[in-house]
Amino acid sequence: MHQPRSSRFAVQLPISFSGNHGAGSGFVCELSDTGCSVTCEEDIDVGPSVVMHIQLPGEDVPLKADGSIRWTNGMALGMEFHWHRVEEKKRFLRFLNALARTTESRVRRAS
């Protein structure tokens, strides 16, 4: 059975990340409940484990998420989230829900 693809949101959020296969920083440009795509200038390998720090708008402390780099393509890479910190996952889901409400509101106003 095919699983429906998660909703994706266009964003520009600063990110830094590190793991056994390298470290880097850049911008999250697309975000979903399962992961994100990132643009960065570092040459990063696909690897099993990274720690991400994503700066959410209006928050002083970056969101900390564990994950893995699933693909790379030039200056872009795809990361999958692996939530081990319940409070961080809750922060992330609150942010994602707010994005969804904002997007839905914009679509209704444009109609």
N, C-alpha and C. Protein backbone atom coordinates (compact mmCIF):
# COMPACT_ATOMS: atom_id res chain seq x y z
N MET A 1 0.84 -1.19 0.00
CA MET A 1 0.00 0.00 0.00
C MET A 1 0.88 1.25 0.00
N HIS A 2 0.58 2.19 -0.85
CA HIS A 2 1.34 3.43 -0.97
C HIS A 2 0.92 4.44 0.09
N GLN A 3 1.89 4.99 0.80
CA GLN A 3 1.58 6.00 1.81
C GLN A 3 1.52 7.37 1.16
N PRO A 4 0.54 8.19 1.55
CA PRO A 4 0.48 9.53 0.99
C PRO A 4 1.68 10.35 1.44
N ARG A 5 2.14 11.20 0.56
CA ARG A 5 3.29 12.04 0.86
C ARG A 5 2.89 13.15 1.84
N SER A 6 3.76 13.46 2.76
CA SER A 6 3.50 14.51 3.75
C SER A 6 3.39 15.86 3.07
N SER A 7 2.62 16.76 3.67
CA SER A 7 2.57 18.13 3.18
C SER A 7 3.95 18.75 3.35
N ARG A 8 4.34 19.52 2.35
CA ARG A 8 5.63 20.20 2.38
C ARG A 8 5.41 21.70 2.36
N PHE A 9 6.26 22.40 3.10
CA PHE A 9 6.13 23.85 3.22
C PHE A 9 7.44 24.51 2.81
N ALA A 10 7.35 25.53 1.98
CA ALA A 10 8.52 26.31 1.59
C ALA A 10 8.87 27.24 2.74
N VAL A 11 10.11 27.19 3.19
CA VAL A 11 10.59 28.01 4.31
C VAL A 11 12.00 28.47 4.02
N GLN A 12 12.52 29.34 4.84
CA GLN A 12 13.93 29.75 4.82
C GLN A 12 14.36 29.82 6.27
N LEU A 13 14.83 28.70 6.81
CA LEU A 13 15.21 28.62 8.22
C LEU A 13 16.69 28.26 8.33
N PRO A 14 17.47 29.04 9.08
CA PRO A 14 18.88 28.69 9.27
C PRO A 14 19.01 27.33 9.98
N ILE A 15 19.99 26.54 9.56
CA ILE A 15 20.24 25.23 10.15
C ILE A 15 21.74 25.00 10.26
N SER A 16 22.14 24.34 11.33
CA SER A 16 23.50 23.79 11.43
C SER A 16 23.34 22.32 11.79
N PHE A 17 24.29 21.51 11.38
CA PHE A 17 24.18 20.08 11.63
C PHE A 17 25.57 19.47 11.70
N SER A 18 25.67 18.36 12.42
CA SER A 18 26.94 17.65 12.52
C SER A 18 26.68 16.18 12.78
N GLY A 19 27.64 15.38 12.39
CA GLY A 19 27.55 13.94 12.60
C GLY A 19 28.84 13.28 12.18
N ASN A 20 28.85 11.96 12.15
CA ASN A 20 30.05 11.20 11.81
C ASN A 20 30.52 11.45 10.38
N HIS A 21 29.61 11.89 9.51
CA HIS A 21 29.95 12.06 8.09
C HIS A 21 30.17 13.51 7.70
N GLY A 22 30.35 14.38 8.70
CA GLY A 22 30.63 15.77 8.39
C GLY A 22 29.73 16.73 9.15
N ALA A 23 29.98 18.00 8.92
CA ALA A 23 29.21 19.06 9.56
C ALA A 23 28.99 20.15 8.54
N GLY A 24 27.95 20.95 8.78
CA GLY A 24 27.69 22.04 7.87
C GLY A 24 26.61 22.96 8.39
N SER A 25 26.30 23.94 7.59
CA SER A 25 25.22 24.87 7.91
C SER A 25 24.63 25.34 6.60
N GLY A 26 23.44 25.87 6.68
CA GLY A 26 22.76 26.35 5.49
C GLY A 26 21.36 26.78 5.83
N PHE A 27 20.43 26.51 4.92
CA PHE A 27 19.04 26.90 5.11
C PHE A 27 18.11 25.75 4.77
N VAL A 28 17.15 25.52 5.65
CA VAL A 28 16.06 24.59 5.34
C VAL A 28 15.19 25.32 4.32
N CYS A 29 14.95 24.70 3.17
CA CYS A 29 14.14 25.37 2.15
C CYS A 29 12.79 24.68 1.94
N GLU A 30 12.67 23.46 2.41
CA GLU A 30 11.40 22.74 2.33
C GLU A 30 11.29 21.87 3.58
N LEU A 31 10.10 21.88 4.20
CA LEU A 31 9.92 21.23 5.48
C LEU A 31 8.65 20.40 5.48
N SER A 32 8.73 19.19 6.04
CA SER A 32 7.55 18.34 6.22
C SER A 32 7.65 17.69 7.59
N ASP A 33 6.63 16.92 7.96
CA ASP A 33 6.67 16.29 9.27
C ASP A 33 7.70 15.16 9.34
N THR A 34 8.19 14.68 8.21
CA THR A 34 9.16 13.59 8.22
C THR A 34 10.60 14.02 7.96
N GLY A 35 10.79 15.25 7.43
CA GLY A 35 12.14 15.69 7.14
C GLY A 35 12.18 17.04 6.46
N CYS A 36 13.34 17.34 5.90
CA CYS A 36 13.51 18.65 5.26
C CYS A 36 14.55 18.55 4.16
N SER A 37 14.51 19.52 3.25
CA SER A 37 15.58 19.68 2.28
C SER A 37 16.35 20.93 2.67
N VAL A 38 17.66 20.86 2.47
CA VAL A 38 18.57 21.89 2.94
C VAL A 38 19.50 22.28 1.81
N THR A 39 19.79 23.56 1.71
CA THR A 39 20.85 24.03 0.81
C THR A 39 22.05 24.38 1.68
N CYS A 40 23.22 23.91 1.25
CA CYS A 40 24.45 24.23 1.98
C CYS A 40 25.62 24.16 1.02
N GLU A 41 26.72 24.77 1.40
CA GLU A 41 27.89 24.80 0.53
C GLU A 41 28.89 23.69 0.84
N GLU A 42 28.75 23.03 1.98
CA GLU A 42 29.66 21.96 2.35
C GLU A 42 29.35 20.69 1.56
N ASP A 43 30.37 19.90 1.32
CA ASP A 43 30.22 18.61 0.66
C ASP A 43 29.97 17.57 1.74
N ILE A 44 28.75 17.10 1.86
CA ILE A 44 28.34 16.20 2.93
C ILE A 44 27.99 14.84 2.34
N ASP A 45 28.39 13.79 3.03
CA ASP A 45 28.07 12.43 2.61
C ASP A 45 26.73 11.99 3.18
N VAL A 46 26.08 11.07 2.47
CA VAL A 46 24.89 10.42 3.00
C VAL A 46 25.36 9.60 4.20
N GLY A 47 24.63 9.72 5.30
CA GLY A 47 25.07 9.02 6.50
C GLY A 47 23.95 8.72 7.46
N PRO A 48 24.23 7.86 8.40
CA PRO A 48 23.17 7.38 9.27
C PRO A 48 22.74 8.32 10.39
N SER A 49 23.60 9.28 10.79
CA SER A 49 23.24 10.02 11.99
C SER A 49 23.77 11.46 11.97
N VAL A 50 22.88 12.43 12.20
CA VAL A 50 23.27 13.83 12.39
C VAL A 50 22.42 14.43 13.50
N VAL A 51 22.94 15.48 14.08
CA VAL A 51 22.18 16.31 15.01
C VAL A 51 21.98 17.65 14.33
N MET A 52 20.72 18.10 14.26
CA MET A 52 20.37 19.35 13.58
C MET A 52 19.94 20.39 14.60
N HIS A 53 20.30 21.63 14.32
CA HIS A 53 19.82 22.77 15.09
C HIS A 53 19.16 23.72 14.10
N ILE A 54 17.84 23.82 14.19
CA ILE A 54 17.06 24.63 13.25
C ILE A 54 16.53 25.85 14.00
N GLN A 55 16.82 27.04 13.46
CA GLN A 55 16.36 28.27 14.10
C GLN A 55 14.94 28.59 13.64
N LEU A 56 13.99 28.44 14.55
CA LEU A 56 12.60 28.75 14.25
C LEU A 56 12.36 30.24 14.45
N PRO A 57 11.50 30.86 13.64
CA PRO A 57 11.23 32.30 13.77
C PRO A 57 10.66 32.63 15.14
N GLY A 58 11.16 33.70 15.73
CA GLY A 58 10.64 34.19 17.00
C GLY A 58 11.08 33.39 18.21
N GLU A 59 11.99 32.45 18.05
CA GLU A 59 12.46 31.66 19.18
C GLU A 59 13.95 31.86 19.37
N ASP A 60 14.37 31.99 20.62
CA ASP A 60 15.78 32.21 20.93
C ASP A 60 16.61 30.94 20.84
N VAL A 61 16.02 29.82 21.24
CA VAL A 61 16.75 28.55 21.29
C VAL A 61 16.41 27.73 20.05
N PRO A 62 17.44 27.30 19.30
CA PRO A 62 17.17 26.50 18.11
C PRO A 62 16.50 25.17 18.47
N LEU A 63 15.72 24.66 17.54
CA LEU A 63 15.11 23.34 17.66
C LEU A 63 16.21 22.31 17.45
N LYS A 64 16.31 21.33 18.35
CA LYS A 64 17.32 20.28 18.22
C LYS A 64 16.64 18.99 17.79
N ALA A 65 17.10 18.44 16.68
CA ALA A 65 16.51 17.21 16.15
C ALA A 65 17.62 16.25 15.73
N ASP A 66 17.39 14.99 15.97
CA ASP A 66 18.27 13.95 15.46
C ASP A 66 17.73 13.52 14.10
N GLY A 67 18.61 13.02 13.26
CA GLY A 67 18.14 12.57 11.96
C GLY A 67 19.24 11.92 11.16
N SER A 68 18.95 11.75 9.88
CA SER A 68 19.93 11.18 8.97
C SER A 68 19.85 11.90 7.63
N ILE A 69 20.99 11.93 6.95
CA ILE A 69 21.04 12.51 5.61
C ILE A 69 20.69 11.40 4.63
N ARG A 70 19.57 11.58 3.94
CA ARG A 70 19.04 10.53 3.06
C ARG A 70 19.52 10.65 1.62
N TRP A 71 19.78 11.88 1.17
CA TRP A 71 20.24 12.07 -0.20
C TRP A 71 21.00 13.38 -0.31
N THR A 72 21.86 13.47 -1.31
CA THR A 72 22.56 14.71 -1.63
C THR A 72 22.52 14.90 -3.14
N ASN A 73 22.54 16.16 -3.55
CA ASN A 73 22.53 16.50 -4.97
C ASN A 73 23.13 17.89 -5.12
N GLY A 74 24.43 17.93 -5.34
CA GLY A 74 25.10 19.23 -5.44
C GLY A 74 25.06 19.95 -4.11
N MET A 75 24.47 21.14 -4.11
CA MET A 75 24.39 21.94 -2.88
C MET A 75 23.12 21.67 -2.09
N ALA A 76 22.38 20.64 -2.45
CA ALA A 76 21.13 20.31 -1.74
C ALA A 76 21.27 18.94 -1.08
N LEU A 77 20.59 18.78 0.03
CA LEU A 77 20.56 17.48 0.69
C LEU A 77 19.22 17.30 1.39
N GLY A 78 18.84 16.06 1.57
CA GLY A 78 17.59 15.73 2.23
C GLY A 78 17.84 15.06 3.56
N MET A 79 17.17 15.54 4.59
CA MET A 79 17.33 14.99 5.93
C MET A 79 16.01 14.41 6.42
N GLU A 80 16.11 13.30 7.10
CA GLU A 80 14.95 12.65 7.71
C GLU A 80 15.05 12.84 9.22
N PHE A 81 13.93 13.18 9.85
CA PHE A 81 13.91 13.37 11.30
C PHE A 81 13.76 12.04 12.02
N HIS A 82 14.48 11.92 13.14
CA HIS A 82 14.34 10.80 14.08
C HIS A 82 14.19 11.44 15.45
N TRP A 83 12.98 11.56 15.91
CA TRP A 83 12.73 12.30 17.16
C TRP A 83 13.02 11.42 18.38
N HIS A 84 13.97 11.86 19.21
CA HIS A 84 14.29 11.18 20.47
C HIS A 84 13.96 12.07 21.66
N ARG A 85 13.68 13.32 21.40
CA ARG A 85 13.36 14.27 22.47
C ARG A 85 11.89 14.69 22.30
N VAL A 86 11.05 14.26 23.23
CA VAL A 86 9.61 14.49 23.12
C VAL A 86 9.29 15.98 23.08
N GLU A 87 9.92 16.77 23.93
CA GLU A 87 9.64 18.21 23.96
C GLU A 87 10.02 18.89 22.65
N GLU A 88 11.13 18.48 22.05
CA GLU A 88 11.54 19.07 20.78
C GLU A 88 10.56 18.68 19.67
N LYS A 89 10.09 17.46 19.69
CA LYS A 89 9.10 17.04 18.69
C LYS A 89 7.82 17.85 18.85
N LYS A 90 7.41 18.11 20.07
CA LYS A 90 6.20 18.93 20.31
C LYS A 90 6.40 20.34 19.79
N ARG A 91 7.57 20.94 20.04
CA ARG A 91 7.87 22.28 19.51
C ARG A 91 7.77 22.29 17.99
N PHE A 92 8.37 21.27 17.37
CA PHE A 92 8.37 21.17 15.92
C PHE A 92 6.94 21.06 15.39
N LEU A 93 6.13 20.20 15.99
CA LEU A 93 4.76 20.01 15.52
C LEU A 93 3.92 21.26 15.70
N ARG A 94 4.15 22.01 16.78
CA ARG A 94 3.44 23.30 16.95
C ARG A 94 3.80 24.25 15.81
N PHE A 95 5.09 24.31 15.49
CA PHE A 95 5.54 25.18 14.40
C PHE A 95 4.94 24.73 13.07
N LEU A 96 4.97 23.43 12.80
CA LEU A 96 4.43 22.89 11.55
C LEU A 96 2.93 23.15 11.44
N ASN A 97 2.21 22.98 12.54
CA ASN A 97 0.76 23.26 12.54
C ASN A 97 0.48 24.73 12.27
N ALA A 98 1.30 25.61 12.83
CA ALA A 98 1.14 27.05 12.57
C ALA A 98 1.40 27.35 11.09
N LEU A 99 2.40 26.70 10.50
CA LEU A 99 2.68 26.87 9.07
C LEU A 99 1.48 26.41 8.24
N ALA A 100 0.91 25.29 8.62
CA ALA A 100 -0.24 24.75 7.88
C ALA A 100 -1.42 25.71 7.97
N ARG A 101 -1.68 26.27 9.14
CA ARG A 101 -2.80 27.22 9.30
C ARG A 101 -2.56 28.48 8.47
N THR A 102 -1.33 28.98 8.50
CA THR A 102 -0.99 30.18 7.73
C THR A 102 -1.16 29.93 6.23
N THR A 103 -0.69 28.79 5.77
CA THR A 103 -0.81 28.44 4.35
C THR A 103 -2.27 28.30 3.96
N GLU A 104 -3.05 27.63 4.79
CA GLU A 104 -4.47 27.44 4.51
C GLU A 104 -5.20 28.78 4.45
N SER A 105 -4.85 29.69 5.35
CA SER A 105 -5.45 31.02 5.37
C SER A 105 -5.12 31.80 4.10
N ARG A 106 -3.87 31.72 3.63
CA ARG A 106 -3.47 32.40 2.41
C ARG A 106 -4.21 31.87 1.19
N VAL A 107 -4.40 30.53 1.16
CA VAL A 107 -5.09 29.92 0.04
C VAL A 107 -6.54 30.38 0.01
N ARG A 108 -7.18 30.44 1.18
CA ARG A 108 -8.59 30.89 1.22
C ARG A 108 -8.71 32.35 0.78
N ARG A 109 -7.77 33.21 1.17
CA ARG A 109 -7.84 34.61 0.79
C ARG A 109 -7.60 34.80 -0.70
N ALA A 110 -6.79 33.92 -1.29
CA ALA A 110 -6.50 34.04 -2.73
C ALA A 110 -7.66 33.53 -3.60
N SER A 111 -8.53 32.74 -3.00
CA SER A 111 -9.65 32.18 -3.79
C SER A 111 -10.74 33.19 -4.03
